[in-house]
Amino acid sequence: MREDAAEILVGGVVLAAAIGFAVFAAQAAGITRSSATYPLHASFRSLEGVGLGSDLRLAGVRIGEVSAIALNPETYRVETTLSVQRGIEIPDDSAVVVSSEGLLGGNFVEIRPGGSPEAFEPGADITDTQGAVSLISLLMKFVTGRGEE
């Protein structure tokens, strides 16, 4: 009887540890983040290095993600949908920029807030955007000494 109780106790401890690890891993991976979001739309000339699920950041803090990407065949621009956490209001004169974490880091979408007292409504289009800058293009311009003509 005592052996059964000890086995049950050890099994319960192992199960509790496994559940705790799973919860920690899910939180670290962003799986359990609040699904209460609202969409904003933005159009970019280039979205190089950004994919579905890429971070949407404000002041370096993750506030959402890129939830949809599509190429507009008429304008050849990339149309995106950004999912923003509810409760975070973005001023309606804000800019959206594709930023890099450094030379070896990945790209993410950054919101640079404006100073307007009015906020974007859910589903609004953000018109002030700046796409990805190609490091190779910049290096070639520096090496050849030529700018765009």
N, C-alpha and C. Protein backbone atom coordinates (compact mmCIF):
# COMPACT_ATOMS: atom_id res chain seq x y z
N MET A 1 0.82 -1.19 0.00
CA MET A 1 0.00 0.00 0.00
C MET A 1 0.87 1.26 0.00
N ARG A 2 1.94 1.22 0.82
CA ARG A 2 2.81 2.39 0.88
C ARG A 2 3.54 2.59 -0.44
N GLU A 3 3.89 1.49 -1.12
CA GLU A 3 4.57 1.61 -2.40
C GLU A 3 3.65 2.28 -3.42
N ASP A 4 2.37 1.93 -3.42
CA ASP A 4 1.41 2.55 -4.34
C ASP A 4 1.28 4.05 -4.07
N ALA A 5 1.23 4.42 -2.81
CA ALA A 5 1.11 5.84 -2.46
C ALA A 5 2.34 6.61 -2.90
N ALA A 6 3.51 6.03 -2.73
CA ALA A 6 4.75 6.69 -3.14
C ALA A 6 4.79 6.84 -4.66
N GLU A 7 4.37 5.82 -5.39
CA GLU A 7 4.34 5.89 -6.85
C GLU A 7 3.35 6.95 -7.33
N ILE A 8 2.21 7.02 -6.69
CA ILE A 8 1.20 8.02 -7.06
C ILE A 8 1.73 9.43 -6.78
N LEU A 9 2.38 9.60 -5.64
CA LEU A 9 2.94 10.89 -5.28
C LEU A 9 4.01 11.32 -6.28
N VAL A 10 4.93 10.42 -6.62
CA VAL A 10 5.98 10.74 -7.59
C VAL A 10 5.37 11.03 -8.96
N GLY A 11 4.39 10.24 -9.36
CA GLY A 11 3.71 10.49 -10.64
C GLY A 11 3.03 11.84 -10.67
N GLY A 12 2.41 12.23 -9.55
CA GLY A 12 1.76 13.54 -9.48
C GLY A 12 2.75 14.67 -9.57
N VAL A 13 3.91 14.53 -8.93
CA VAL A 13 4.95 15.56 -9.00
C VAL A 13 5.48 15.68 -10.43
N VAL A 14 5.73 14.55 -11.08
CA VAL A 14 6.21 14.57 -12.46
C VAL A 14 5.17 15.21 -13.38
N LEU A 15 3.91 14.87 -13.22
CA LEU A 15 2.85 15.45 -14.03
C LEU A 15 2.74 16.96 -13.80
N ALA A 16 2.82 17.41 -12.56
CA ALA A 16 2.75 18.84 -12.26
C ALA A 16 3.93 19.58 -12.88
N ALA A 17 5.11 18.99 -12.83
CA ALA A 17 6.29 19.60 -13.44
C ALA A 17 6.14 19.69 -14.96
N ALA A 18 5.59 18.65 -15.57
CA ALA A 18 5.38 18.65 -17.02
C ALA A 18 4.37 19.73 -17.42
N ILE A 19 3.30 19.87 -16.66
CA ILE A 19 2.30 20.90 -16.96
C ILE A 19 2.91 22.29 -16.79
N GLY A 20 3.68 22.48 -15.72
CA GLY A 20 4.34 23.77 -15.51
C GLY A 20 5.29 24.11 -16.63
N PHE A 21 6.05 23.12 -17.09
CA PHE A 21 6.97 23.35 -18.21
C PHE A 21 6.21 23.69 -19.48
N ALA A 22 5.11 23.01 -19.75
CA ALA A 22 4.31 23.28 -20.95
C ALA A 22 3.73 24.69 -20.92
N VAL A 23 3.25 25.13 -19.77
CA VAL A 23 2.71 26.49 -19.65
C VAL A 23 3.81 27.51 -19.87
N PHE A 24 4.98 27.30 -19.27
CA PHE A 24 6.11 28.20 -19.46
C PHE A 24 6.52 28.27 -20.92
N ALA A 25 6.63 27.12 -21.58
CA ALA A 25 7.03 27.08 -22.98
C ALA A 25 6.01 27.79 -23.87
N ALA A 26 4.73 27.60 -23.58
CA ALA A 26 3.68 28.26 -24.37
C ALA A 26 3.74 29.78 -24.20
N GLN A 27 3.97 30.24 -22.99
CA GLN A 27 4.08 31.68 -22.77
C GLN A 27 5.31 32.24 -23.45
N ALA A 28 6.43 31.54 -23.38
CA ALA A 28 7.67 32.00 -24.01
C ALA A 28 7.52 32.05 -25.52
N ALA A 29 6.75 31.13 -26.09
CA ALA A 29 6.55 31.09 -27.54
C ALA A 29 5.45 32.02 -28.00
N GLY A 30 4.73 32.63 -27.07
CA GLY A 30 3.67 33.56 -27.44
C GLY A 30 2.37 32.88 -27.79
N ILE A 31 2.23 31.59 -27.49
CA ILE A 31 1.03 30.85 -27.86
C ILE A 31 -0.17 31.30 -27.03
N THR A 32 0.05 31.64 -25.78
CA THR A 32 -1.07 31.96 -24.90
C THR A 32 -1.34 33.46 -24.80
N ARG A 33 -0.71 34.23 -25.63
CA ARG A 33 -0.95 35.67 -25.56
C ARG A 33 -2.42 35.95 -25.84
N SER A 34 -2.87 37.04 -25.32
CA SER A 34 -4.27 37.40 -25.45
C SER A 34 -4.68 37.48 -26.92
N SER A 35 -5.81 36.88 -27.25
CA SER A 35 -6.28 36.91 -28.63
C SER A 35 -7.16 38.13 -28.88
N ALA A 36 -7.28 38.99 -27.89
CA ALA A 36 -8.09 40.19 -28.05
C ALA A 36 -7.27 41.23 -28.80
N THR A 37 -7.43 41.25 -30.12
CA THR A 37 -6.68 42.18 -30.96
C THR A 37 -7.64 42.89 -31.91
N TYR A 38 -7.11 43.94 -32.53
CA TYR A 38 -7.87 44.61 -33.59
C TYR A 38 -6.93 44.82 -34.78
N PRO A 39 -7.48 44.84 -36.00
CA PRO A 39 -6.64 44.93 -37.19
C PRO A 39 -6.37 46.37 -37.61
N LEU A 40 -5.18 46.58 -38.14
CA LEU A 40 -4.82 47.80 -38.87
C LEU A 40 -4.20 47.34 -40.17
N HIS A 41 -4.34 48.16 -41.22
CA HIS A 41 -3.82 47.79 -42.53
C HIS A 41 -2.75 48.78 -42.96
N ALA A 42 -1.71 48.25 -43.64
CA ALA A 42 -0.62 49.10 -44.14
C ALA A 42 -0.12 48.51 -45.45
N SER A 43 0.36 49.40 -46.32
CA SER A 43 0.87 49.01 -47.62
C SER A 43 2.35 49.42 -47.70
N PHE A 44 3.21 48.46 -48.11
CA PHE A 44 4.64 48.71 -48.16
C PHE A 44 5.18 48.50 -49.56
N ARG A 45 6.24 49.22 -49.91
CA ARG A 45 6.94 49.01 -51.16
C ARG A 45 7.73 47.71 -51.09
N SER A 46 8.34 47.43 -49.92
CA SER A 46 9.11 46.21 -49.73
C SER A 46 8.92 45.72 -48.29
N LEU A 47 8.71 44.43 -48.15
CA LEU A 47 8.51 43.84 -46.83
C LEU A 47 9.56 42.75 -46.59
N GLU A 48 10.74 42.95 -47.18
CA GLU A 48 11.80 41.96 -47.13
C GLU A 48 12.17 41.60 -45.68
N GLY A 49 12.19 40.31 -45.39
CA GLY A 49 12.58 39.83 -44.07
C GLY A 49 11.45 39.75 -43.07
N VAL A 50 10.25 40.15 -43.46
CA VAL A 50 9.10 40.10 -42.57
C VAL A 50 8.13 39.05 -43.10
N GLY A 51 7.61 38.23 -42.22
CA GLY A 51 6.66 37.19 -42.62
C GLY A 51 5.48 37.16 -41.68
N LEU A 52 4.57 36.23 -41.94
CA LEU A 52 3.43 36.06 -41.05
C LEU A 52 3.92 35.75 -39.64
N GLY A 53 3.35 36.40 -38.67
CA GLY A 53 3.74 36.18 -37.28
C GLY A 53 4.90 37.04 -36.81
N SER A 54 5.48 37.82 -37.72
CA SER A 54 6.57 38.71 -37.30
C SER A 54 6.05 39.71 -36.27
N ASP A 55 6.95 40.13 -35.39
CA ASP A 55 6.57 41.05 -34.32
C ASP A 55 6.12 42.40 -34.84
N LEU A 56 5.14 42.97 -34.16
CA LEU A 56 4.74 44.36 -34.31
C LEU A 56 5.13 45.01 -33.00
N ARG A 57 6.02 46.01 -33.06
CA ARG A 57 6.54 46.61 -31.83
C ARG A 57 6.27 48.11 -31.77
N LEU A 58 6.14 48.57 -30.55
CA LEU A 58 6.00 50.00 -30.25
C LEU A 58 6.95 50.28 -29.11
N ALA A 59 7.92 51.17 -29.32
CA ALA A 59 8.93 51.50 -28.31
C ALA A 59 9.70 50.26 -27.86
N GLY A 60 9.90 49.30 -28.76
CA GLY A 60 10.65 48.10 -28.45
C GLY A 60 9.85 47.00 -27.79
N VAL A 61 8.57 47.24 -27.52
CA VAL A 61 7.72 46.25 -26.85
C VAL A 61 6.79 45.61 -27.87
N ARG A 62 6.69 44.29 -27.82
CA ARG A 62 5.80 43.58 -28.74
C ARG A 62 4.35 43.88 -28.38
N ILE A 63 3.62 44.43 -29.34
CA ILE A 63 2.20 44.76 -29.11
C ILE A 63 1.28 44.03 -30.08
N GLY A 64 1.84 43.17 -30.90
CA GLY A 64 1.03 42.45 -31.87
C GLY A 64 1.91 41.73 -32.86
N GLU A 65 1.32 41.43 -34.02
CA GLU A 65 2.04 40.69 -35.04
C GLU A 65 1.47 40.98 -36.42
N VAL A 66 2.22 40.56 -37.43
CA VAL A 66 1.76 40.64 -38.81
C VAL A 66 0.87 39.43 -39.03
N SER A 67 -0.41 39.66 -39.33
CA SER A 67 -1.35 38.55 -39.43
C SER A 67 -1.76 38.21 -40.86
N ALA A 68 -1.47 39.07 -41.83
CA ALA A 68 -1.78 38.77 -43.23
C ALA A 68 -0.84 39.55 -44.14
N ILE A 69 -0.43 38.90 -45.24
CA ILE A 69 0.45 39.53 -46.23
C ILE A 69 -0.07 39.14 -47.61
N ALA A 70 -0.21 40.13 -48.49
CA ALA A 70 -0.64 39.85 -49.86
C ALA A 70 -0.03 40.89 -50.80
N LEU A 71 0.32 40.46 -52.00
CA LEU A 71 0.83 41.37 -53.02
C LEU A 71 -0.33 41.92 -53.83
N ASN A 72 -0.40 43.24 -53.95
CA ASN A 72 -1.41 43.87 -54.78
C ASN A 72 -0.90 43.87 -56.22
N PRO A 73 -1.53 43.10 -57.13
CA PRO A 73 -1.01 42.98 -58.50
C PRO A 73 -1.13 44.26 -59.33
N GLU A 74 -1.95 45.20 -58.90
CA GLU A 74 -2.10 46.45 -59.64
C GLU A 74 -1.04 47.47 -59.26
N THR A 75 -0.70 47.56 -57.99
CA THR A 75 0.25 48.57 -57.52
C THR A 75 1.63 47.99 -57.23
N TYR A 76 1.74 46.65 -57.20
CA TYR A 76 2.97 45.95 -56.85
C TYR A 76 3.47 46.35 -55.46
N ARG A 77 2.55 46.61 -54.57
CA ARG A 77 2.86 46.91 -53.18
C ARG A 77 2.38 45.74 -52.33
N VAL A 78 2.99 45.60 -51.16
CA VAL A 78 2.62 44.53 -50.25
C VAL A 78 1.58 45.06 -49.27
N GLU A 79 0.41 44.45 -49.29
CA GLU A 79 -0.67 44.83 -48.38
C GLU A 79 -0.60 43.94 -47.15
N THR A 80 -0.57 44.55 -45.98
CA THR A 80 -0.46 43.78 -44.74
C THR A 80 -1.60 44.09 -43.80
N THR A 81 -1.88 43.14 -42.95
CA THR A 81 -2.80 43.34 -41.83
C THR A 81 -1.99 43.14 -40.56
N LEU A 82 -2.06 44.11 -39.68
CA LEU A 82 -1.35 44.07 -38.41
C LEU A 82 -2.37 43.87 -37.30
N SER A 83 -2.14 42.89 -36.45
CA SER A 83 -3.02 42.64 -35.31
C SER A 83 -2.41 43.31 -34.08
N VAL A 84 -3.16 44.27 -33.50
CA VAL A 84 -2.69 45.06 -32.37
C VAL A 84 -3.49 44.65 -31.13
N GLN A 85 -2.80 44.51 -30.00
CA GLN A 85 -3.48 44.15 -28.75
C GLN A 85 -4.51 45.22 -28.39
N ARG A 86 -5.68 44.77 -27.99
CA ARG A 86 -6.72 45.70 -27.54
C ARG A 86 -6.21 46.47 -26.33
N GLY A 87 -6.63 47.71 -26.23
CA GLY A 87 -6.20 48.56 -25.13
C GLY A 87 -5.01 49.43 -25.48
N ILE A 88 -4.35 49.13 -26.60
CA ILE A 88 -3.23 49.96 -27.05
C ILE A 88 -3.73 50.80 -28.22
N GLU A 89 -3.86 52.08 -27.98
CA GLU A 89 -4.35 52.99 -29.01
C GLU A 89 -3.18 53.62 -29.74
N ILE A 90 -3.23 53.57 -31.05
CA ILE A 90 -2.17 54.09 -31.90
C ILE A 90 -2.62 55.44 -32.46
N PRO A 91 -1.86 56.54 -32.21
CA PRO A 91 -2.24 57.85 -32.75
C PRO A 91 -2.39 57.77 -34.27
N ASP A 92 -3.38 58.50 -34.82
CA ASP A 92 -3.68 58.38 -36.25
C ASP A 92 -2.69 59.09 -37.17
N ASP A 93 -1.63 59.68 -36.62
CA ASP A 93 -0.57 60.24 -37.46
C ASP A 93 0.73 59.45 -37.30
N SER A 94 0.62 58.20 -36.85
CA SER A 94 1.78 57.35 -36.63
C SER A 94 2.30 56.79 -37.95
N ALA A 95 3.58 56.40 -37.94
CA ALA A 95 4.21 55.78 -39.10
C ALA A 95 4.50 54.31 -38.77
N VAL A 96 4.50 53.49 -39.81
CA VAL A 96 4.84 52.08 -39.66
C VAL A 96 6.08 51.82 -40.52
N VAL A 97 7.11 51.24 -39.89
CA VAL A 97 8.41 51.07 -40.53
C VAL A 97 8.88 49.63 -40.37
N VAL A 98 9.50 49.09 -41.41
CA VAL A 98 10.16 47.79 -41.29
C VAL A 98 11.54 48.07 -40.72
N SER A 99 11.82 47.52 -39.54
CA SER A 99 13.10 47.73 -38.85
C SER A 99 13.85 46.43 -38.73
N SER A 100 15.13 46.54 -38.42
CA SER A 100 15.99 45.37 -38.26
C SER A 100 16.55 45.34 -36.86
N GLU A 101 16.78 44.13 -36.36
CA GLU A 101 17.37 43.95 -35.05
C GLU A 101 18.88 44.07 -35.10
N GLY A 102 19.45 44.38 -36.23
CA GLY A 102 20.89 44.49 -36.39
C GLY A 102 21.33 43.79 -37.66
N LEU A 103 22.64 43.71 -37.85
CA LEU A 103 23.16 43.10 -39.08
C LEU A 103 22.77 41.64 -39.21
N LEU A 104 22.77 40.92 -38.10
CA LEU A 104 22.46 39.49 -38.17
C LEU A 104 21.06 39.16 -37.65
N GLY A 105 20.36 40.15 -37.14
CA GLY A 105 19.03 39.91 -36.59
C GLY A 105 17.96 39.93 -37.66
N GLY A 106 16.76 39.53 -37.29
CA GLY A 106 15.65 39.52 -38.21
C GLY A 106 14.97 40.88 -38.29
N ASN A 107 14.03 40.98 -39.19
CA ASN A 107 13.26 42.20 -39.35
C ASN A 107 11.94 42.09 -38.60
N PHE A 108 11.39 43.23 -38.23
CA PHE A 108 10.10 43.31 -37.58
C PHE A 108 9.43 44.60 -38.02
N VAL A 109 8.17 44.74 -37.70
CA VAL A 109 7.42 45.95 -38.04
C VAL A 109 7.33 46.81 -36.79
N GLU A 110 7.69 48.07 -36.94
CA GLU A 110 7.71 48.99 -35.81
C GLU A 110 6.72 50.13 -36.05
N ILE A 111 6.00 50.49 -35.02
CA ILE A 111 5.13 51.65 -35.09
C ILE A 111 5.84 52.81 -34.43
N ARG A 112 5.97 53.91 -35.17
CA ARG A 112 6.53 55.13 -34.62
C ARG A 112 5.37 56.09 -34.38
N PRO A 113 5.00 56.24 -33.11
CA PRO A 113 3.78 57.01 -32.80
C PRO A 113 3.92 58.50 -33.11
N GLY A 114 2.82 59.06 -33.55
CA GLY A 114 2.75 60.49 -33.77
C GLY A 114 2.25 61.18 -32.50
N GLY A 115 1.84 62.42 -32.65
CA GLY A 115 1.39 63.18 -31.49
C GLY A 115 -0.08 63.51 -31.49
N SER A 116 -0.83 62.93 -32.40
CA SER A 116 -2.25 63.22 -32.51
C SER A 116 -3.03 62.70 -31.31
N PRO A 117 -4.02 63.45 -30.85
CA PRO A 117 -4.86 62.94 -29.76
C PRO A 117 -5.87 61.90 -30.25
N GLU A 118 -6.08 61.82 -31.55
CA GLU A 118 -7.01 60.86 -32.13
C GLU A 118 -6.28 59.55 -32.42
N ALA A 119 -6.97 58.42 -32.28
CA ALA A 119 -6.37 57.11 -32.51
C ALA A 119 -7.00 56.45 -33.73
N PHE A 120 -6.25 55.52 -34.34
CA PHE A 120 -6.78 54.73 -35.44
C PHE A 120 -7.96 53.90 -34.96
N GLU A 121 -8.98 53.83 -35.77
CA GLU A 121 -10.11 52.94 -35.51
C GLU A 121 -9.72 51.54 -35.99
N PRO A 122 -10.29 50.49 -35.43
CA PRO A 122 -10.02 49.14 -35.93
C PRO A 122 -10.33 49.04 -37.42
N GLY A 123 -9.39 48.44 -38.17
CA GLY A 123 -9.56 48.29 -39.61
C GLY A 123 -9.07 49.46 -40.43
N ALA A 124 -8.51 50.48 -39.78
CA ALA A 124 -8.04 51.68 -40.48
C ALA A 124 -6.79 51.38 -41.31
N ASP A 125 -6.56 52.21 -42.32
CA ASP A 125 -5.37 52.12 -43.15
C ASP A 125 -4.33 53.11 -42.66
N ILE A 126 -3.12 52.61 -42.43
CA ILE A 126 -2.00 53.48 -42.08
C ILE A 126 -1.28 53.82 -43.38
N THR A 127 -1.22 55.09 -43.72
CA THR A 127 -0.66 55.50 -45.01
C THR A 127 0.82 55.86 -44.93
N ASP A 128 1.31 56.23 -43.77
CA ASP A 128 2.71 56.61 -43.62
C ASP A 128 3.53 55.36 -43.31
N THR A 129 4.11 54.76 -44.37
CA THR A 129 4.86 53.52 -44.21
C THR A 129 6.24 53.66 -44.84
N GLN A 130 7.17 52.88 -44.34
CA GLN A 130 8.51 52.80 -44.92
C GLN A 130 8.91 51.34 -44.96
N GLY A 131 9.21 50.85 -46.15
CA GLY A 131 9.54 49.45 -46.32
C GLY A 131 10.94 49.12 -45.89
N ALA A 132 11.33 47.88 -46.14
CA ALA A 132 12.65 47.39 -45.78
C ALA A 132 13.72 48.03 -46.65
N VAL A 133 14.86 48.31 -46.05
CA VAL A 133 16.00 48.84 -46.78
C VAL A 133 16.98 47.69 -46.98
N SER A 134 17.38 47.47 -48.21
CA SER A 134 18.28 46.37 -48.53
C SER A 134 19.72 46.75 -48.18
N LEU A 135 20.34 45.98 -47.32
CA LEU A 135 21.72 46.22 -46.92
C LEU A 135 22.66 46.07 -48.11
N ILE A 136 22.39 45.13 -48.99
CA ILE A 136 23.22 44.91 -50.18
C ILE A 136 23.19 46.15 -51.08
N SER A 137 21.99 46.72 -51.28
CA SER A 137 21.88 47.92 -52.11
C SER A 137 22.66 49.07 -51.51
N LEU A 138 22.57 49.24 -50.20
CA LEU A 138 23.32 50.32 -49.55
C LEU A 138 24.82 50.13 -49.70
N LEU A 139 25.30 48.89 -49.53
CA LEU A 139 26.73 48.63 -49.68
C LEU A 139 27.19 48.87 -51.12
N MET A 140 26.38 48.48 -52.09
CA MET A 140 26.73 48.71 -53.50
C MET A 140 26.81 50.19 -53.81
N LYS A 141 25.90 50.98 -53.28
CA LYS A 141 25.94 52.43 -53.49
C LYS A 141 27.20 53.02 -52.87
N PHE A 142 27.57 52.52 -51.70
CA PHE A 142 28.77 53.03 -51.03
C PHE A 142 30.02 52.66 -51.81
N VAL A 143 30.10 51.42 -52.28
CA VAL A 143 31.29 50.94 -52.99
C VAL A 143 31.44 51.62 -54.34
N THR A 144 30.33 51.73 -55.08
CA THR A 144 30.41 52.33 -56.41
C THR A 144 30.36 53.84 -56.38
N GLY A 145 29.91 54.41 -55.28
CA GLY A 145 29.84 55.87 -55.18
C GLY A 145 28.70 56.47 -55.97
N ARG A 146 27.74 55.65 -56.36
CA ARG A 146 26.59 56.14 -57.13
C ARG A 146 25.33 56.10 -56.29
N GLY A 147 24.54 57.13 -56.43
CA GLY A 147 23.21 57.15 -55.80
C GLY A 147 22.17 56.79 -56.82
N GLU A 148 20.93 56.79 -56.42
CA GLU A 148 19.85 56.54 -57.38
C GLU A 148 19.71 57.75 -58.27
N GLU A 149 19.39 57.49 -59.53
CA GLU A 149 19.26 58.58 -60.49
C GLU A 149 17.84 58.83 -60.87
